[in-house]
C-alpha cells in the first residue's frame, strides 16, 4: 500500500498538469487523434513503478501501474531529456541507456504532441492579475533576462582578462603578433648566416692550395 500511494499521487498530478497544458495549447491538439486508444509506458530507473500514458477522449490518462503498452521505454530521467534530439536515439541504445520495445511510432507521436505544445502565458496571466500587472511583470522578466545575459558576458570577459593578465595562461592578439614578428626576424637572420657560411665554404674550395714547402 505504501508503494501504491506515491504512484497514484504522481500519476494523478501528471495527468492534471498534462491535460491542463493541452487545454491551453494555442496550436490545438490534432496529433492526439492519431494516438487515440494507444498507450506509451515509461519505466524510469529512478521510480519503482511504471508510468503509462493512454490517449482517450482527447485527453491523456496517466496511471502508475503496468498497462498493455503499444510502446514501452526503459531508461532514466537524464537520458529521457536527451531524446529531444532524434540523432541521439541510436547512440543511447548503443550505450545501453535506452531500451524501446514495441511500436516506435507511438513514442514519436507522443513526442510530437509535446513539441507542438505552446502556451500564451502572458494572456493566461492577464486573466488572473490584469493586463497592466501582466505587462509590468513581462517587462521585469525581460529586464532580468537582459541583466543575466550581460552578467554572463561580463563574467566570460573578466575570466579572459584574468587568464591573460593574472595567470598568463593566454595571450592577446598583439602579443601573438609580436611573437610572430620575432620568429620571422630570427628566421631571416638564420637564413642570411647560412648563406654567408655557404659562400665562404665555396671560396675555400675554389682558391689555390697554399704551397707549404716554400
N, C-alpha and C. Protein backbone atom coordinates (compact mmCIF):
# COMPACT_ATOMS: atom_id res chain seq x y z
N UNK A 1 0.83 -1.20 0.00
CA UNK A 1 0.00 0.00 0.00
C UNK A 1 0.87 1.25 0.00
N UNK A 2 2.01 1.23 0.70
CA UNK A 2 2.87 2.40 0.75
C UNK A 2 3.44 2.74 -0.61
N UNK A 3 3.64 1.72 -1.48
CA UNK A 3 4.16 1.96 -2.81
C UNK A 3 3.06 2.44 -3.74
N UNK A 4 1.81 2.04 -3.45
CA UNK A 4 0.69 2.38 -4.31
C UNK A 4 0.35 3.85 -4.22
N UNK A 5 0.42 4.45 -3.04
CA UNK A 5 0.04 5.85 -2.86
C UNK A 5 0.93 6.82 -3.64
N UNK A 6 2.28 6.70 -3.56
CA UNK A 6 3.11 7.59 -4.37
C UNK A 6 2.83 7.45 -5.86
N UNK A 7 2.59 6.23 -6.32
CA UNK A 7 2.29 6.00 -7.73
C UNK A 7 1.00 6.70 -8.11
N UNK A 8 -0.02 6.58 -7.29
CA UNK A 8 -1.30 7.23 -7.57
C UNK A 8 -1.17 8.74 -7.52
N UNK A 9 -0.43 9.24 -6.54
CA UNK A 9 -0.28 10.68 -6.39
C UNK A 9 0.47 11.29 -7.57
N UNK A 10 1.58 10.67 -7.95
CA UNK A 10 2.38 11.19 -9.05
C UNK A 10 1.62 11.11 -10.37
N UNK A 11 0.98 9.98 -10.64
CA UNK A 11 0.26 9.82 -11.90
C UNK A 11 -0.92 10.79 -11.99
N UNK A 12 -1.63 10.99 -10.88
CA UNK A 12 -2.75 11.93 -10.87
C UNK A 12 -2.27 13.36 -11.10
N UNK A 13 -1.15 13.71 -10.48
CA UNK A 13 -0.59 15.06 -10.66
C UNK A 13 -0.15 15.28 -12.09
N UNK A 14 0.55 14.29 -12.66
CA UNK A 14 0.99 14.39 -14.05
C UNK A 14 -0.20 14.51 -15.00
N UNK A 15 -1.22 13.72 -14.75
CA UNK A 15 -2.41 13.76 -15.61
C UNK A 15 -3.07 15.14 -15.57
N UNK A 16 -3.16 15.73 -14.38
CA UNK A 16 -3.77 17.05 -14.23
C UNK A 16 -2.96 18.11 -14.97
N UNK A 17 -1.64 18.09 -14.76
CA UNK A 17 -0.77 19.09 -15.38
C UNK A 17 -0.75 18.95 -16.89
N UNK A 18 -0.63 17.72 -17.39
CA UNK A 18 -0.57 17.49 -18.83
C UNK A 18 -1.84 17.95 -19.53
N UNK A 19 -2.99 17.57 -19.00
CA UNK A 19 -4.25 17.92 -19.66
C UNK A 19 -4.57 19.40 -19.53
N UNK A 20 -4.11 20.04 -18.44
CA UNK A 20 -4.28 21.48 -18.31
C UNK A 20 -3.45 22.20 -19.36
N UNK A 21 -2.22 21.70 -19.57
CA UNK A 21 -1.35 22.30 -20.58
C UNK A 21 -1.93 22.09 -21.98
N UNK A 22 -2.47 20.91 -22.24
CA UNK A 22 -3.08 20.63 -23.55
C UNK A 22 -4.26 21.55 -23.80
N UNK A 23 -5.02 21.84 -22.75
CA UNK A 23 -6.19 22.71 -22.90
C UNK A 23 -5.78 24.15 -23.24
N UNK A 24 -4.57 24.55 -22.85
CA UNK A 24 -4.08 25.91 -23.11
C UNK A 24 -3.25 26.01 -24.38
N UNK A 25 -3.04 24.89 -25.05
CA UNK A 25 -2.20 24.87 -26.24
C UNK A 25 -2.81 25.72 -27.36
N UNK A 26 -2.07 26.75 -27.80
CA UNK A 26 -2.61 27.65 -28.82
C UNK A 26 -2.64 27.00 -30.20
N UNK A 27 -1.95 25.90 -30.39
CA UNK A 27 -1.92 25.22 -31.69
C UNK A 27 -2.94 24.09 -31.80
N UNK A 28 -3.66 23.83 -30.72
CA UNK A 28 -4.59 22.72 -30.74
C UNK A 28 -3.85 21.41 -30.54
N UNK A 29 -4.63 20.31 -30.50
CA UNK A 29 -4.03 19.01 -30.21
C UNK A 29 -4.50 17.94 -31.20
N UNK A 30 -4.37 18.27 -32.49
CA UNK A 30 -4.82 17.35 -33.52
C UNK A 30 -4.00 16.06 -33.53
N UNK A 31 -2.75 16.12 -33.03
CA UNK A 31 -1.91 14.92 -33.02
C UNK A 31 -2.47 13.84 -32.12
N UNK A 32 -3.27 14.25 -31.12
CA UNK A 32 -3.85 13.26 -30.20
C UNK A 32 -4.78 12.30 -30.91
N UNK A 33 -5.42 12.77 -31.98
CA UNK A 33 -6.37 11.91 -32.70
C UNK A 33 -5.68 10.66 -33.25
N UNK A 34 -4.41 10.81 -33.67
CA UNK A 34 -3.67 9.68 -34.23
C UNK A 34 -3.26 8.69 -33.15
N UNK A 35 -3.31 9.12 -31.90
CA UNK A 35 -2.87 8.28 -30.79
C UNK A 35 -4.04 7.72 -29.98
N UNK A 36 -5.25 7.95 -30.44
CA UNK A 36 -6.44 7.53 -29.69
C UNK A 36 -6.38 6.03 -29.40
N UNK A 37 -6.53 5.68 -28.13
CA UNK A 37 -6.55 4.29 -27.72
C UNK A 37 -5.18 3.65 -27.56
N UNK A 38 -4.11 4.41 -27.83
CA UNK A 38 -2.76 3.86 -27.74
C UNK A 38 -2.12 4.21 -26.39
N UNK A 39 -1.23 3.35 -25.93
CA UNK A 39 -0.59 3.52 -24.63
C UNK A 39 0.93 3.50 -24.75
N UNK A 40 1.57 4.47 -24.12
CA UNK A 40 3.02 4.51 -24.01
C UNK A 40 3.39 4.33 -22.54
N UNK A 41 4.19 3.33 -22.26
CA UNK A 41 4.63 3.07 -20.88
C UNK A 41 6.11 3.42 -20.75
N UNK A 42 6.43 4.19 -19.73
CA UNK A 42 7.81 4.60 -19.48
C UNK A 42 8.25 4.05 -18.13
N UNK A 43 9.31 3.25 -18.16
CA UNK A 43 9.90 2.72 -16.93
C UNK A 43 11.18 3.49 -16.64
N UNK A 44 11.13 4.36 -15.64
CA UNK A 44 12.28 5.16 -15.27
C UNK A 44 13.06 4.47 -14.16
N UNK A 45 14.37 4.47 -14.27
CA UNK A 45 15.20 3.80 -13.27
C UNK A 45 15.07 4.46 -11.90
N UNK A 46 14.65 5.75 -11.89
CA UNK A 46 14.51 6.46 -10.62
C UNK A 46 13.21 6.14 -9.89
N UNK A 47 12.27 5.48 -10.58
CA UNK A 47 10.97 5.16 -9.98
C UNK A 47 10.82 3.66 -9.82
N UNK A 48 10.08 3.26 -8.81
CA UNK A 48 9.84 1.84 -8.55
C UNK A 48 8.57 1.35 -9.24
N UNK A 49 7.96 2.21 -10.02
CA UNK A 49 6.72 1.84 -10.72
C UNK A 49 6.73 2.48 -12.11
N UNK A 50 5.99 1.92 -13.04
CA UNK A 50 5.94 2.47 -14.40
C UNK A 50 4.97 3.64 -14.48
N UNK A 51 5.09 4.42 -15.54
CA UNK A 51 4.14 5.48 -15.85
C UNK A 51 3.56 5.20 -17.23
N UNK A 52 2.26 4.97 -17.27
CA UNK A 52 1.60 4.64 -18.53
C UNK A 52 0.72 5.81 -18.97
N UNK A 53 0.87 6.20 -20.24
CA UNK A 53 0.14 7.32 -20.81
C UNK A 53 -0.77 6.79 -21.92
N UNK A 54 -2.09 6.96 -21.72
CA UNK A 54 -3.07 6.47 -22.68
C UNK A 54 -3.94 7.62 -23.18
N UNK A 55 -4.08 7.73 -24.49
CA UNK A 55 -4.91 8.79 -25.07
C UNK A 55 -6.34 8.29 -25.17
N UNK A 56 -7.24 9.03 -24.54
CA UNK A 56 -8.65 8.67 -24.57
C UNK A 56 -9.50 9.92 -24.45
N UNK A 57 -10.50 10.04 -25.31
CA UNK A 57 -11.41 11.19 -25.26
C UNK A 57 -10.73 12.53 -25.44
N UNK A 58 -9.66 12.58 -26.24
CA UNK A 58 -8.97 13.85 -26.48
C UNK A 58 -8.09 14.29 -25.32
N UNK A 59 -7.90 13.41 -24.35
CA UNK A 59 -7.03 13.72 -23.22
C UNK A 59 -6.04 12.58 -23.00
N UNK A 60 -5.10 12.79 -22.08
CA UNK A 60 -4.12 11.75 -21.76
C UNK A 60 -4.35 11.28 -20.34
N UNK A 61 -4.61 9.98 -20.20
CA UNK A 61 -4.80 9.38 -18.89
C UNK A 61 -3.48 8.79 -18.44
N UNK A 62 -3.10 9.08 -17.19
CA UNK A 62 -1.82 8.62 -16.65
C UNK A 62 -2.09 7.67 -15.48
N UNK A 63 -1.45 6.52 -15.51
CA UNK A 63 -1.57 5.56 -14.42
C UNK A 63 -0.18 5.12 -13.97
N UNK A 64 -0.07 4.67 -12.76
CA UNK A 64 1.19 4.20 -12.22
C UNK A 64 1.25 2.70 -12.12
N UNK A 65 0.51 2.02 -12.98
CA UNK A 65 0.50 0.56 -12.98
C UNK A 65 0.86 0.06 -14.37
N UNK A 66 1.24 -1.19 -14.47
CA UNK A 66 1.62 -1.78 -15.75
C UNK A 66 0.38 -1.94 -16.63
N UNK A 67 0.40 -1.29 -17.79
CA UNK A 67 -0.71 -1.37 -18.73
C UNK A 67 -0.28 -2.16 -19.96
N UNK A 68 -1.25 -2.55 -20.77
CA UNK A 68 -0.92 -3.15 -22.06
C UNK A 68 -0.38 -2.03 -22.93
N UNK A 69 0.91 -2.03 -23.15
CA UNK A 69 1.56 -0.92 -23.83
C UNK A 69 1.78 -1.23 -25.30
N UNK A 70 1.51 -0.23 -26.14
CA UNK A 70 1.83 -0.33 -27.56
C UNK A 70 3.31 -0.03 -27.79
N UNK A 71 3.89 0.73 -26.86
CA UNK A 71 5.32 1.02 -26.89
C UNK A 71 5.79 1.17 -25.46
N UNK A 72 6.95 0.60 -25.16
CA UNK A 72 7.49 0.66 -23.81
C UNK A 72 8.93 1.16 -23.85
N UNK A 73 9.23 2.13 -23.02
CA UNK A 73 10.57 2.72 -22.96
C UNK A 73 11.16 2.46 -21.58
N UNK A 74 12.38 1.95 -21.56
CA UNK A 74 13.10 1.72 -20.32
C UNK A 74 14.34 2.60 -20.32
N UNK A 75 14.41 3.55 -19.40
CA UNK A 75 15.52 4.49 -19.38
C UNK A 75 15.55 5.24 -18.06
N UNK A 76 16.35 6.32 -17.99
CA UNK A 76 16.39 7.18 -16.82
C UNK A 76 15.96 8.59 -17.20
N UNK A 77 15.78 9.44 -16.20
CA UNK A 77 15.28 10.79 -16.45
C UNK A 77 16.28 11.58 -17.30
N UNK A 78 17.57 11.52 -16.97
CA UNK A 78 18.57 12.27 -17.71
C UNK A 78 18.60 11.84 -19.18
N UNK A 79 18.51 10.55 -19.40
CA UNK A 79 18.51 10.04 -20.77
C UNK A 79 17.24 10.46 -21.50
N UNK A 80 16.13 10.45 -20.79
CA UNK A 80 14.85 10.83 -21.40
C UNK A 80 14.88 12.25 -21.92
N UNK A 81 15.57 13.14 -21.21
CA UNK A 81 15.67 14.53 -21.63
C UNK A 81 16.48 14.67 -22.92
N UNK A 82 17.39 13.75 -23.15
CA UNK A 82 18.22 13.80 -24.36
C UNK A 82 17.47 13.30 -25.59
N UNK A 83 16.29 12.74 -25.41
CA UNK A 83 15.54 12.18 -26.53
C UNK A 83 14.96 13.24 -27.45
N UNK A 84 15.05 14.52 -27.07
CA UNK A 84 14.54 15.58 -27.95
C UNK A 84 15.39 15.66 -29.21
N UNK A 85 16.61 15.15 -29.15
CA UNK A 85 17.46 15.09 -30.33
C UNK A 85 17.32 13.71 -30.95
N UNK A 86 16.72 13.66 -32.14
CA UNK A 86 16.44 12.38 -32.77
C UNK A 86 17.72 11.59 -33.03
N UNK A 87 18.81 12.30 -33.39
CA UNK A 87 20.04 11.60 -33.70
C UNK A 87 20.64 10.93 -32.49
N UNK A 88 20.16 11.30 -31.28
CA UNK A 88 20.72 10.72 -30.05
C UNK A 88 20.13 9.36 -29.74
N UNK A 89 19.00 9.01 -30.34
CA UNK A 89 18.30 7.77 -30.00
C UNK A 89 19.19 6.56 -30.27
N UNK A 90 19.76 6.48 -31.48
CA UNK A 90 20.59 5.33 -31.84
C UNK A 90 21.80 5.22 -30.92
N UNK A 91 22.42 6.35 -30.62
CA UNK A 91 23.60 6.34 -29.76
C UNK A 91 23.25 5.89 -28.34
N UNK A 92 22.11 6.36 -27.83
CA UNK A 92 21.68 5.98 -26.49
C UNK A 92 21.38 4.49 -26.40
N UNK A 93 20.83 3.94 -27.47
CA UNK A 93 20.55 2.50 -27.50
C UNK A 93 21.87 1.72 -27.49
N UNK A 94 22.84 2.20 -28.27
CA UNK A 94 24.15 1.53 -28.32
C UNK A 94 24.83 1.56 -26.95
N UNK A 95 24.61 2.65 -26.20
CA UNK A 95 25.23 2.79 -24.90
C UNK A 95 24.44 2.07 -23.80
N UNK A 96 23.39 1.36 -24.18
CA UNK A 96 22.54 0.64 -23.23
C UNK A 96 21.88 1.57 -22.21
N UNK A 97 21.66 2.82 -22.63
CA UNK A 97 20.97 3.78 -21.77
C UNK A 97 19.49 3.88 -22.11
N UNK A 98 19.12 3.25 -23.21
CA UNK A 98 17.74 3.35 -23.69
C UNK A 98 17.32 2.03 -24.31
N UNK A 99 16.15 1.56 -23.91
CA UNK A 99 15.60 0.32 -24.48
C UNK A 99 14.15 0.60 -24.89
N UNK A 100 13.85 0.38 -26.15
CA UNK A 100 12.50 0.64 -26.66
C UNK A 100 11.91 -0.66 -27.19
N UNK A 101 10.74 -1.00 -26.69
CA UNK A 101 10.03 -2.20 -27.11
C UNK A 101 8.68 -1.80 -27.70
N UNK A 102 8.30 -2.45 -28.81
CA UNK A 102 7.00 -2.16 -29.40
C UNK A 102 7.11 -1.20 -30.58
N UNK A 103 6.02 -0.46 -30.82
CA UNK A 103 5.92 0.43 -31.98
C UNK A 103 6.58 1.78 -31.68
N UNK A 104 7.70 2.04 -32.33
CA UNK A 104 8.43 3.29 -32.11
C UNK A 104 7.60 4.50 -32.52
N UNK A 105 6.69 4.33 -33.49
CA UNK A 105 5.87 5.45 -33.97
C UNK A 105 4.97 6.00 -32.86
N UNK A 106 4.61 5.15 -31.90
CA UNK A 106 3.78 5.61 -30.78
C UNK A 106 4.58 6.59 -29.92
N UNK A 107 5.83 6.25 -29.62
CA UNK A 107 6.68 7.15 -28.85
C UNK A 107 6.92 8.45 -29.61
N UNK A 108 7.11 8.35 -30.93
CA UNK A 108 7.31 9.54 -31.75
C UNK A 108 6.06 10.41 -31.76
N UNK A 109 4.89 9.77 -31.72
CA UNK A 109 3.63 10.51 -31.70
C UNK A 109 3.46 11.32 -30.42
N UNK A 110 3.79 10.71 -29.28
CA UNK A 110 3.73 11.43 -28.01
C UNK A 110 4.76 12.56 -27.98
N UNK A 111 5.93 12.32 -28.57
CA UNK A 111 6.95 13.37 -28.64
C UNK A 111 6.47 14.54 -29.49
N UNK A 112 5.74 14.25 -30.56
CA UNK A 112 5.21 15.30 -31.43
C UNK A 112 4.19 16.15 -30.69
N UNK A 113 3.38 15.52 -29.85
CA UNK A 113 2.41 16.26 -29.04
C UNK A 113 3.13 17.25 -28.12
N UNK A 114 4.21 16.79 -27.50
CA UNK A 114 4.98 17.65 -26.59
C UNK A 114 5.64 18.79 -27.35
N UNK A 115 6.20 18.49 -28.54
CA UNK A 115 6.88 19.52 -29.33
C UNK A 115 5.91 20.58 -29.83
N UNK A 116 4.66 20.18 -30.06
CA UNK A 116 3.65 21.11 -30.60
C UNK A 116 3.02 21.97 -29.51
N UNK A 117 3.36 21.70 -28.27
CA UNK A 117 2.74 22.41 -27.14
C UNK A 117 3.32 23.82 -27.00
N UNK A 118 2.45 24.81 -27.06
CA UNK A 118 2.86 26.21 -26.86
C UNK A 118 1.72 26.95 -26.17
N UNK A 119 2.06 27.63 -25.08
CA UNK A 119 1.06 28.32 -24.27
C UNK A 119 1.34 29.81 -24.24
N UNK A 120 0.31 30.60 -24.42
CA UNK A 120 0.43 32.06 -24.33
C UNK A 120 0.33 32.44 -22.86
N UNK A 121 1.46 32.38 -22.17
CA UNK A 121 1.46 32.62 -20.73
C UNK A 121 1.07 34.06 -20.39
N UNK A 122 1.39 35.00 -21.26
CA UNK A 122 1.05 36.39 -20.99
C UNK A 122 -0.46 36.58 -20.92
N UNK A 123 -1.16 35.96 -21.87
CA UNK A 123 -2.63 36.06 -21.87
C UNK A 123 -3.24 35.35 -20.67
N UNK A 124 -2.65 34.20 -20.31
CA UNK A 124 -3.16 33.46 -19.18
C UNK A 124 -2.96 34.23 -17.87
N UNK A 125 -1.80 34.89 -17.73
CA UNK A 125 -1.56 35.70 -16.54
C UNK A 125 -2.52 36.88 -16.46
N UNK A 126 -2.78 37.48 -17.63
CA UNK A 126 -3.67 38.64 -17.67
C UNK A 126 -5.07 38.29 -17.16
N UNK A 127 -5.49 37.07 -17.33
CA UNK A 127 -6.81 36.65 -16.88
C UNK A 127 -6.92 36.69 -15.36
N UNK A 128 -5.79 36.55 -14.68
CA UNK A 128 -5.80 36.46 -13.22
C UNK A 128 -5.33 37.74 -12.54
N UNK A 129 -4.35 38.44 -13.13
CA UNK A 129 -3.80 39.62 -12.46
C UNK A 129 -4.02 40.91 -13.25
N UNK A 130 -4.65 40.82 -14.41
CA UNK A 130 -4.94 42.02 -15.19
C UNK A 130 -3.84 42.35 -16.20
N UNK A 131 -4.21 43.13 -17.22
CA UNK A 131 -3.29 43.45 -18.31
C UNK A 131 -2.11 44.29 -17.83
N UNK A 132 -2.39 45.31 -16.99
CA UNK A 132 -1.31 46.22 -16.56
C UNK A 132 -0.27 45.48 -15.73
N UNK A 133 -0.74 44.69 -14.76
CA UNK A 133 0.19 43.94 -13.91
C UNK A 133 0.98 42.93 -14.74
N UNK A 134 0.31 42.30 -15.70
CA UNK A 134 1.00 41.33 -16.56
C UNK A 134 2.06 42.01 -17.39
N UNK A 135 1.72 43.20 -17.94
CA UNK A 135 2.68 43.95 -18.75
C UNK A 135 3.92 44.31 -17.93
N UNK A 136 3.70 44.75 -16.71
CA UNK A 136 4.84 45.10 -15.84
C UNK A 136 5.66 43.87 -15.49
N UNK A 137 4.98 42.76 -15.27
CA UNK A 137 5.68 41.52 -14.93
C UNK A 137 6.52 41.04 -16.10
N UNK A 138 5.97 41.13 -17.31
CA UNK A 138 6.72 40.72 -18.50
C UNK A 138 7.93 41.62 -18.71
N UNK A 139 7.73 42.95 -18.52
CA UNK A 139 8.85 43.88 -18.66
C UNK A 139 9.95 43.57 -17.65
N UNK A 140 9.55 43.28 -16.41
CA UNK A 140 10.52 42.93 -15.38
C UNK A 140 11.29 41.67 -15.76
N UNK A 141 10.56 40.69 -16.27
CA UNK A 141 11.20 39.45 -16.69
C UNK A 141 12.19 39.67 -17.82
N UNK A 142 11.82 40.51 -18.79
CA UNK A 142 12.72 40.80 -19.90
C UNK A 142 13.96 41.55 -19.42
N UNK A 143 13.76 42.48 -18.47
CA UNK A 143 14.90 43.24 -17.93
C UNK A 143 15.85 42.31 -17.19
N UNK A 144 15.29 41.40 -16.39
CA UNK A 144 16.12 40.43 -15.67
C UNK A 144 16.88 39.53 -16.64
N UNK A 145 16.21 39.16 -17.72
CA UNK A 145 16.86 38.31 -18.72
C UNK A 145 18.06 39.02 -19.33
N UNK A 146 17.90 40.33 -19.64
CA UNK A 146 19.00 41.11 -20.22
C UNK A 146 20.14 41.24 -19.21
N UNK A 147 19.78 41.46 -17.93
CA UNK A 147 20.82 41.62 -16.90
C UNK A 147 21.60 40.31 -16.72
N UNK A 148 20.89 39.19 -16.74
CA UNK A 148 21.56 37.91 -16.60
C UNK A 148 22.48 37.65 -17.80
N UNK A 149 22.00 38.02 -19.00
CA UNK A 149 22.81 37.83 -20.20
C UNK A 149 24.06 38.70 -20.14
N UNK A 150 23.89 39.98 -19.67
CA UNK A 150 25.04 40.88 -19.54
C UNK A 150 26.02 40.34 -18.51
N UNK A 151 25.48 39.85 -17.40
CA UNK A 151 26.34 39.31 -16.35
C UNK A 151 27.14 38.12 -16.86
N UNK A 152 26.51 37.28 -17.66
CA UNK A 152 27.20 36.12 -18.21
C UNK A 152 28.33 36.55 -19.13
N UNK A 153 28.05 37.56 -19.99
CA UNK A 153 29.10 38.06 -20.89
C UNK A 153 30.24 38.70 -20.10
N UNK A 154 29.88 39.46 -19.03
CA UNK A 154 30.89 40.12 -18.22
C UNK A 154 31.78 39.12 -17.51
N UNK A 155 31.17 38.08 -16.98
CA UNK A 155 31.95 37.04 -16.30
C UNK A 155 32.91 36.37 -17.27
N UNK A 156 32.42 36.11 -18.49
CA UNK A 156 33.27 35.50 -19.50
C UNK A 156 34.43 36.42 -19.86
N UNK A 157 34.13 37.74 -19.99
CA UNK A 157 35.18 38.70 -20.31
C UNK A 157 36.20 38.82 -19.19
N UNK A 158 35.70 38.91 -17.95
CA UNK A 158 36.60 39.01 -16.80
C UNK A 158 37.48 37.77 -16.68
N UNK A 159 36.91 36.62 -16.98
CA UNK A 159 37.68 35.38 -16.92
C UNK A 159 38.80 35.41 -17.94
N UNK A 160 38.51 35.96 -19.13
CA UNK A 160 39.53 36.07 -20.16
C UNK A 160 40.64 37.01 -19.74
N UNK A 161 40.27 38.16 -19.16
CA UNK A 161 41.27 39.12 -18.68
C UNK A 161 42.13 38.51 -17.57
N UNK A 162 41.50 37.74 -16.71
CA UNK A 162 42.23 37.11 -15.61
C UNK A 162 43.27 36.12 -16.14
N UNK A 163 42.87 35.35 -17.15
CA UNK A 163 43.81 34.39 -17.72
C UNK A 163 44.99 35.07 -18.39
N UNK A 164 44.71 36.23 -19.05
CA UNK A 164 45.77 36.93 -19.78
C UNK A 164 46.71 37.65 -18.85
N UNK A 165 46.16 38.43 -17.92
CA UNK A 165 46.98 39.34 -17.13
C UNK A 165 47.42 38.78 -15.77
N UNK A 166 46.64 37.87 -15.21
CA UNK A 166 46.97 37.36 -13.89
C UNK A 166 47.70 36.02 -13.95
N UNK A 167 47.12 35.08 -14.65
CA UNK A 167 47.69 33.75 -14.68
C UNK A 167 48.61 33.51 -15.88
N UNK A 168 48.59 34.42 -16.85
CA UNK A 168 49.44 34.29 -18.04
C UNK A 168 49.19 32.96 -18.76
N UNK A 169 47.93 32.52 -18.70
CA UNK A 169 47.59 31.26 -19.36
C UNK A 169 47.13 31.47 -20.79
N UNK A 170 46.95 32.73 -21.18
CA UNK A 170 46.51 33.02 -22.54
C UNK A 170 47.27 34.24 -23.02
N UNK A 171 47.28 34.46 -24.33
CA UNK A 171 47.97 35.61 -24.91
C UNK A 171 46.98 36.44 -25.71
N UNK A 172 47.29 37.76 -25.79
CA UNK A 172 46.45 38.65 -26.58
C UNK A 172 46.88 38.59 -28.03
N UNK A 173 46.08 39.20 -28.92
CA UNK A 173 46.41 39.22 -30.34
C UNK A 173 47.71 39.99 -30.59
N UNK A 174 47.90 41.10 -29.86
CA UNK A 174 49.11 41.90 -30.04
C UNK A 174 50.34 41.12 -29.61
N UNK A 175 50.22 40.38 -28.50
CA UNK A 175 51.34 39.56 -28.04
C UNK A 175 51.67 38.47 -29.05
N UNK A 176 50.64 37.88 -29.61
CA UNK A 176 50.85 36.83 -30.61
C UNK A 176 51.50 37.39 -31.87
N UNK A 177 51.09 38.60 -32.30
CA UNK A 177 51.67 39.23 -33.49
C UNK A 177 53.14 39.56 -33.25
N UNK A 178 53.47 40.08 -32.07
CA UNK A 178 54.86 40.42 -31.74
C UNK A 178 55.72 39.16 -31.75
N UNK A 179 55.20 38.09 -31.21
CA UNK A 179 55.94 36.83 -31.19
C UNK A 179 56.21 36.34 -32.61
N UNK A 180 55.19 36.44 -33.47
CA UNK A 180 55.36 36.00 -34.86
C UNK A 180 56.42 36.84 -35.58
N UNK A 181 56.44 38.15 -35.31
CA UNK A 181 57.43 39.02 -35.93
C UNK A 181 58.84 38.63 -35.49
N UNK A 182 59.00 38.34 -34.19
CA UNK A 182 60.30 37.94 -33.68
C UNK A 182 60.78 36.64 -34.31
N UNK A 183 59.87 35.71 -34.48
CA UNK A 183 60.21 34.44 -35.11
C UNK A 183 60.63 34.66 -36.56
N UNK A 184 59.90 35.52 -37.29
CA UNK A 184 60.24 35.81 -38.68
C UNK A 184 61.61 36.46 -38.79
N UNK A 185 61.91 37.42 -37.90
CA UNK A 185 63.22 38.09 -37.91
C UNK A 185 64.34 37.11 -37.64
N UNK A 186 64.16 36.24 -36.66
CA UNK A 186 65.17 35.25 -36.33
C UNK A 186 65.40 34.29 -37.50
N UNK A 187 64.33 33.91 -38.16
CA UNK A 187 64.44 33.00 -39.30
C UNK A 187 65.23 33.67 -40.44
N UNK A 188 64.97 34.97 -40.68
CA UNK A 188 65.68 35.70 -41.73
C UNK A 188 67.17 35.80 -41.41
N UNK A 189 67.48 36.10 -40.15
CA UNK A 189 68.87 36.21 -39.74
C UNK A 189 69.59 34.86 -39.86
N UNK A 190 68.91 33.80 -39.49
CA UNK A 190 69.49 32.47 -39.60
C UNK A 190 69.77 32.11 -41.06
N UNK A 191 68.84 32.45 -41.95
CA UNK A 191 69.00 32.17 -43.37
C UNK A 191 70.18 32.96 -43.94
N UNK A 192 70.33 34.22 -43.53
CA UNK A 192 71.43 35.06 -44.02
C UNK A 192 72.77 34.50 -43.57
N UNK A 193 72.83 34.06 -42.32
CA UNK A 193 74.06 33.48 -41.81
C UNK A 193 74.42 32.19 -42.55
N UNK A 194 73.44 31.38 -42.83
CA UNK A 194 73.67 30.14 -43.55
C UNK A 194 74.19 30.41 -44.95
N UNK A 195 73.65 31.45 -45.60
CA UNK A 195 74.11 31.83 -46.94
C UNK A 195 75.56 32.27 -46.93
N UNK A 196 75.95 33.10 -45.94
CA UNK A 196 77.34 33.56 -45.83
C UNK A 196 78.30 32.40 -45.61
N UNK A 197 77.91 31.47 -44.75
CA UNK A 197 78.76 30.31 -44.49
C UNK A 197 78.93 29.45 -45.73
N UNK A 198 77.89 29.33 -46.52
CA UNK A 198 77.96 28.54 -47.75
C UNK A 198 78.91 29.19 -48.76
N UNK A 199 78.84 30.53 -48.87
CA UNK A 199 79.73 31.24 -49.79
C UNK A 199 81.20 31.10 -49.36
N UNK A 200 81.47 31.22 -48.04
CA UNK A 200 82.83 31.08 -47.55
C UNK A 200 83.36 29.68 -47.84
N UNK A 201 82.51 28.70 -47.69
CA UNK A 201 82.94 27.33 -47.96
C UNK A 201 83.27 27.14 -49.43
N UNK A 202 82.46 27.72 -50.31
CA UNK A 202 82.72 27.62 -51.75
C UNK A 202 84.03 28.32 -52.12
N UNK A 203 84.31 29.48 -51.51
CA UNK A 203 85.54 30.22 -51.80
C UNK A 203 86.76 29.42 -51.38
N UNK A 204 86.69 28.76 -50.23
CA UNK A 204 87.81 27.96 -49.76
C UNK A 204 88.08 26.78 -50.70
N UNK A 205 87.04 26.23 -51.24
CA UNK A 205 87.20 25.08 -52.13
C UNK A 205 87.78 25.48 -53.48
N UNK A 206 87.50 26.69 -53.97
CA UNK A 206 87.97 27.14 -55.31
C UNK A 206 89.29 27.86 -55.27
N UNK A 207 89.77 28.35 -54.10
CA UNK A 207 91.03 29.07 -54.01
C UNK A 207 92.20 28.09 -54.13
N UNK A 208 93.40 28.50 -54.82
CA UNK A 208 94.54 27.57 -54.99
C UNK A 208 95.13 27.19 -53.66
N UNK A 209 95.57 25.97 -53.58
CA UNK A 209 96.13 25.48 -52.32
C UNK A 209 97.45 26.16 -52.02
N UNK A 210 97.75 26.47 -50.81
CA UNK A 210 98.96 27.13 -50.40
C UNK A 210 100.13 26.13 -50.33
N UNK A 211 101.29 26.48 -50.99
CA UNK A 211 102.44 25.56 -51.01
C UNK A 211 103.19 25.69 -49.70
N UNK A 212 103.16 24.73 -48.87
CA UNK A 212 103.78 24.79 -47.55
C UNK A 212 105.28 24.58 -47.59
N UNK A 213 105.88 24.13 -48.80
CA UNK A 213 107.32 23.88 -48.89
C UNK A 213 108.12 25.13 -49.17
N UNK A 214 107.45 26.22 -49.58
CA UNK A 214 108.16 27.46 -49.88
C UNK A 214 108.53 28.16 -48.60
